[in-house]
Amino acid sequence: MNAQKGFTLIELMIVVAIIGILAAIAIPQYQNYIAKSQVSRVMSELGGIKTAVETCMLEGKDTTCELGATASNLLGADVKAPEGVKVTIDLAASTASIQGTFKKSAASTLHTKTLTWSRSAAGSWTCDTTVDAKYKPAGCSGSGS
């Protein structure tokens, strides 16, 4: 007698069903992971501009300030700052803000949401964001749902 070789159709169908179930669970989790990592990346990219803003304030510059920052493929347009970044410096009040709006290659759940670094008159920086709570990085508060 010959022994059975290979797989039966039912065994193959069971394997395909298991792979489908695992993919149905894994894909949404992966998309959440991507969105959260993109928010953390933008928080870091905008945080890197804080030093340039501080330097501009010390030199008494507001709208004529050169930030020396590079553009991000996750942000969307401003003239003096990289595309998608809006920098506001108020020399009289000694305050500033750096705001980025998610566009372009960012996850679709992040589009039009913002992340903002704000400088108080005392010189301390705080982070605030409008992204959903599940995407917020540590150290960044906000009003997202």
C-alpha atoms as a PDB file:
ATOM      1  CA  MET A   1       0.000   0.000   0.000  1.00  0.00           C
ATOM      2  CA  ASN A   2       1.006   3.537  -0.683  1.00  0.00           C
ATOM      3  CA  ALA A   3       0.977   6.036   2.219  1.00  0.00           C
ATOM      4  CA  GLN A   4      -0.969   9.273   1.763  1.00  0.00           C
ATOM      5  CA  LYS A   5       1.202  12.115   0.420  1.00  0.00           C
ATOM      6  CA  GLY A   6       0.440  15.831   0.699  1.00  0.00           C
ATOM      7  CA  PHE A   7      -2.455  17.661   2.312  1.00  0.00           C
ATOM      8  CA  THR A   8      -6.160  17.181   1.893  1.00  0.00           C
ATOM      9  CA  LEU A   9      -8.372  20.015   0.719  1.00  0.00           C
ATOM     10  CA  ILE A  10      -9.974  20.404   4.156  1.00  0.00           C
ATOM     11  CA  GLU A  11      -6.566  20.759   5.827  1.00  0.00           C
ATOM     12  CA  LEU A  12      -5.581  23.483   3.390  1.00  0.00           C
ATOM     13  CA  MET A  13      -8.898  25.295   3.935  1.00  0.00           C
ATOM     14  CA  ILE A  14      -8.354  25.223   7.716  1.00  0.00           C
ATOM     15  CA  VAL A  15      -4.883  26.733   7.332  1.00  0.00           C
ATOM     16  CA  VAL A  16      -6.217  29.513   5.061  1.00  0.00           C
ATOM     17  CA  ALA A  17      -9.016  30.257   7.561  1.00  0.00           C
ATOM     18  CA  ILE A  18      -6.526  30.507  10.443  1.00  0.00           C
ATOM     19  CA  ILE A  19      -4.308  32.879   8.431  1.00  0.00           C
ATOM     20  CA  GLY A  20      -7.360  35.006   7.584  1.00  0.00           C
ATOM     21  CA  ILE A  21      -8.375  35.273  11.247  1.00  0.00           C
ATOM     22  CA  LEU A  22      -4.846  36.232  12.298  1.00  0.00           C
ATOM     23  CA  ALA A  23      -4.656  38.873   9.543  1.00  0.00           C
ATOM     24  CA  ALA A  24      -8.033  40.333  10.588  1.00  0.00           C
ATOM     25  CA  ILE A  25      -6.633  40.876  14.074  1.00  0.00           C
ATOM     26  CA  ALA A  26      -3.099  41.944  13.139  1.00  0.00           C
ATOM     27  CA  ILE A  27      -3.751  44.530  10.400  1.00  0.00           C
ATOM     28  CA  PRO A  28      -5.756  47.018  12.560  1.00  0.00           C
ATOM     29  CA  GLN A  29      -3.192  46.691  15.364  1.00  0.00           C
ATOM     30  CA  TYR A  30      -0.395  47.407  12.912  1.00  0.00           C
ATOM     31  CA  GLN A  31      -2.216  50.488  11.593  1.00  0.00           C
ATOM     32  CA  ASN A  32      -2.598  51.802  15.179  1.00  0.00           C
ATOM     33  CA  TYR A  33       1.110  51.193  15.763  1.00  0.00           C
ATOM     34  CA  ILE A  34       2.025  53.124  12.587  1.00  0.00           C
ATOM     35  CA  ALA A  35      -0.185  56.101  13.544  1.00  0.00           C
ATOM     36  CA  LYS A  36       1.247  56.237  17.072  1.00  0.00           C
ATOM     37  CA  SER A  37       4.824  56.096  15.788  1.00  0.00           C
ATOM     38  CA  GLN A  38       4.066  58.912  13.311  1.00  0.00           C
ATOM     39  CA  VAL A  39       2.745  61.140  16.126  1.00  0.00           C
ATOM     40  CA  SER A  40       5.889  60.451  18.172  1.00  0.00           C
ATOM     41  CA  ARG A  41       8.049  61.243  15.161  1.00  0.00           C
ATOM     42  CA  VAL A  42       6.320  64.584  14.522  1.00  0.00           C
ATOM     43  CA  MET A  43       6.597  65.428  18.241  1.00  0.00           C
ATOM     44  CA  SER A  44      10.349  64.873  17.988  1.00  0.00           C
ATOM     45  CA  GLU A  45      10.719  66.741  14.674  1.00  0.00           C
ATOM     46  CA  LEU A  46       8.859  69.789  15.975  1.00  0.00           C
ATOM     47  CA  GLY A  47      10.713  69.577  19.284  1.00  0.00           C
ATOM     48  CA  GLY A  48      13.959  69.936  17.362  1.00  0.00           C
ATOM     49  CA  ILE A  49      12.839  73.394  16.196  1.00  0.00           C
ATOM     50  CA  LYS A  50      12.534  74.673  19.795  1.00  0.00           C
ATOM     51  CA  THR A  51      16.243  75.512  20.010  1.00  0.00           C
ATOM     52  CA  ALA A  52      16.095  77.579  16.813  1.00  0.00           C
ATOM     53  CA  VAL A  53      13.025  79.436  18.111  1.00  0.00           C
ATOM     54  CA  GLU A  54      14.805  80.169  21.409  1.00  0.00           C
ATOM     55  CA  THR A  55      17.788  81.519  19.465  1.00  0.00           C
ATOM     56  CA  CYS A  56      15.524  83.725  17.351  1.00  0.00           C
ATOM     57  CA  MET A  57      13.872  85.103  20.473  1.00  0.00           C
ATOM     58  CA  LEU A  58      17.255  85.871  22.063  1.00  0.00           C
ATOM     59  CA  GLU A  59      18.292  87.711  18.896  1.00  0.00           C
ATOM     60  CA  GLY A  60      15.013  89.671  18.875  1.00  0.00           C
ATOM     61  CA  LYS A  61      13.730  88.121  15.635  1.00  0.00           C
ATOM     62  CA  ASP A  62      10.175  87.012  15.034  1.00  0.00           C
ATOM     63  CA  THR A  63       8.965  86.692  11.418  1.00  0.00           C
ATOM     64  CA  THR A  64      12.456  87.071   9.910  1.00  0.00           C
ATOM     65  CA  CYS A  65      13.811  84.057  11.735  1.00  0.00           C
ATOM     66  CA  GLU A  66      15.561  81.237   9.843  1.00  0.00           C
ATOM     67  CA  LEU A  67      14.802  77.934  11.559  1.00  0.00           C
ATOM     68  CA  GLY A  68      17.102  75.670   9.571  1.00  0.00           C
ATOM     69  CA  ALA A  69      14.634  72.790   9.821  1.00  0.00           C
ATOM     70  CA  THR A  70      13.991  70.241   7.105  1.00  0.00           C
ATOM     71  CA  ALA A  71      10.601  69.346   5.661  1.00  0.00           C
ATOM     72  CA  SER A  72       8.673  66.295   6.843  1.00  0.00           C
ATOM     73  CA  ASN A  73       6.676  63.951   4.630  1.00  0.00           C
ATOM     74  CA  LEU A  74       4.033  63.667   7.386  1.00  0.00           C
ATOM     75  CA  LEU A  75       3.177  67.363   7.590  1.00  0.00           C
ATOM     76  CA  GLY A  76       1.264  69.408   5.184  1.00  0.00           C
ATOM     77  CA  ALA A  77       2.421  74.864   4.332  1.00  0.00           C
ATOM     78  CA  ASP A  78       4.035  77.899   5.718  1.00  0.00           C
ATOM     79  CA  VAL A  79       6.497  80.341   4.181  1.00  0.00           C
ATOM     80  CA  LYS A  80       9.295  80.781   6.734  1.00  0.00           C
ATOM     81  CA  ALA A  81       9.115  77.296   8.264  1.00  0.00           C
ATOM     82  CA  PRO A  82       9.188  73.871   6.635  1.00  0.00           C
ATOM     83  CA  GLU A  83       5.994  72.857   4.873  1.00  0.00           C
ATOM     84  CA  GLY A  84       3.206  72.017   7.344  1.00  0.00           C
ATOM     85  CA  VAL A  85       4.809  73.818  10.274  1.00  0.00           C
ATOM     86  CA  LYS A  86       3.552  77.132  11.645  1.00  0.00           C
ATOM     87  CA  VAL A  87       5.854  79.022  14.002  1.00  0.00           C
ATOM     88  CA  THR A  88       4.583  82.001  15.990  1.00  0.00           C
ATOM     89  CA  ILE A  89       6.933  84.169  18.076  1.00  0.00           C
ATOM     90  CA  ASP A  90       5.614  86.957  20.302  1.00  0.00           C
ATOM     91  CA  LEU A  91       8.667  88.904  21.496  1.00  0.00           C
ATOM     92  CA  ALA A  92       6.598  91.297  23.634  1.00  0.00           C
ATOM     93  CA  ALA A  93       5.050  88.471  25.648  1.00  0.00           C
ATOM     94  CA  SER A  94       8.144  86.207  25.445  1.00  0.00           C
ATOM     95  CA  THR A  95       5.993  83.357  24.151  1.00  0.00           C
ATOM     96  CA  ALA A  96       6.153  81.160  21.073  1.00  0.00           C
ATOM     97  CA  SER A  97       4.449  78.184  19.486  1.00  0.00           C
ATOM     98  CA  ILE A  98       5.380  75.567  16.915  1.00  0.00           C
ATOM     99  CA  GLN A  99       2.406  73.824  15.309  1.00  0.00           C
ATOM    100  CA  GLY A 100       2.423  70.961  12.841  1.00  0.00           C
ATOM    101  CA  THR A 101      -0.618  69.729  10.937  1.00  0.00           C
ATOM    102  CA  PHE A 102      -0.691  66.091   9.817  1.00  0.00           C
ATOM    103  CA  LYS A 103      -1.165  65.688   6.054  1.00  0.00           C
ATOM    104  CA  LYS A 104       0.589  64.015   3.135  1.00  0.00           C
ATOM    105  CA  SER A 105       1.926  60.565   4.093  1.00  0.00           C
ATOM    106  CA  ALA A 106       0.497  60.497   7.626  1.00  0.00           C
ATOM    107  CA  ALA A 107      -2.030  57.810   8.560  1.00  0.00           C
ATOM    108  CA  SER A 108      -5.524  58.760   7.398  1.00  0.00           C
ATOM    109  CA  THR A 109      -6.783  58.886  11.013  1.00  0.00           C
ATOM    110  CA  LEU A 110      -4.279  61.690  11.691  1.00  0.00           C
ATOM    111  CA  HIS A 111      -5.073  63.969   8.728  1.00  0.00           C
ATOM    112  CA  THR A 112      -5.936  67.552   9.803  1.00  0.00           C
ATOM    113  CA  LYS A 113      -4.972  66.802  13.436  1.00  0.00           C
ATOM    114  CA  THR A 114      -2.293  69.011  15.002  1.00  0.00           C
ATOM    115  CA  LEU A 115       0.599  68.782  17.430  1.00  0.00           C
ATOM    116  CA  THR A 116       1.782  72.005  19.090  1.00  0.00           C
ATOM    117  CA  TRP A 117       4.770  72.938  21.234  1.00  0.00           C
ATOM    118  CA  SER A 118       4.010  76.118  23.251  1.00  0.00           C
ATOM    119  CA  ARG A 119       6.536  78.266  25.123  1.00  0.00           C
ATOM    120  CA  SER A 120       5.395  80.127  28.213  1.00  0.00           C
ATOM    121  CA  ALA A 121       6.756  83.513  29.238  1.00  0.00           C
ATOM    122  CA  ALA A 122       8.781  81.684  31.911  1.00  0.00           C
ATOM    123  CA  GLY A 123      10.592  79.750  29.176  1.00  0.00           C
ATOM    124  CA  SER A 124       9.101  76.286  29.666  1.00  0.00           C
ATOM    125  CA  TRP A 125       7.795  74.268  26.706  1.00  0.00           C
ATOM    126  CA  THR A 126       4.648  72.107  26.749  1.00  0.00           C
ATOM    127  CA  CYS A 127       3.241  69.782  24.126  1.00  0.00           C
ATOM    128  CA  ASP A 128      -0.445  69.611  23.168  1.00  0.00           C
ATOM    129  CA  THR A 129      -2.162  67.597  20.441  1.00  0.00           C
ATOM    130  CA  THR A 130      -5.578  67.000  18.918  1.00  0.00           C
ATOM    131  CA  VAL A 131      -4.920  63.370  17.921  1.00  0.00           C
ATOM    132  CA  ASP A 132      -6.997  60.597  19.488  1.00  0.00           C
ATOM    133  CA  ALA A 133      -5.894  59.500  22.961  1.00  0.00           C
ATOM    134  CA  LYS A 134      -4.668  56.097  21.745  1.00  0.00           C
ATOM    135  CA  TYR A 135      -2.075  57.805  19.507  1.00  0.00           C
ATOM    136  CA  LYS A 136      -0.746  60.389  22.007  1.00  0.00           C
ATOM    137  CA  PRO A 137       2.914  60.051  22.946  1.00  0.00           C
ATOM    138  CA  ALA A 138       4.001  60.278  26.573  1.00  0.00           C
ATOM    139  CA  GLY A 139       4.511  63.866  27.664  1.00  0.00           C
ATOM    140  CA  CYS A 140       1.989  65.362  25.261  1.00  0.00           C
ATOM    141  CA  SER A 141      -1.466  66.253  26.545  1.00  0.00           C
ATOM    142  CA  GLY A 142      -4.419  67.233  24.430  1.00  0.00           C
ATOM    143  CA  SER A 143      -8.100  67.318  23.776  1.00  0.00           C
ATOM    144  CA  GLY A 144      -8.354  64.429  21.344  1.00  0.00           C
ATOM    145  CA  SER A 145     -11.054  61.862  21.977  1.00  0.00           C
END
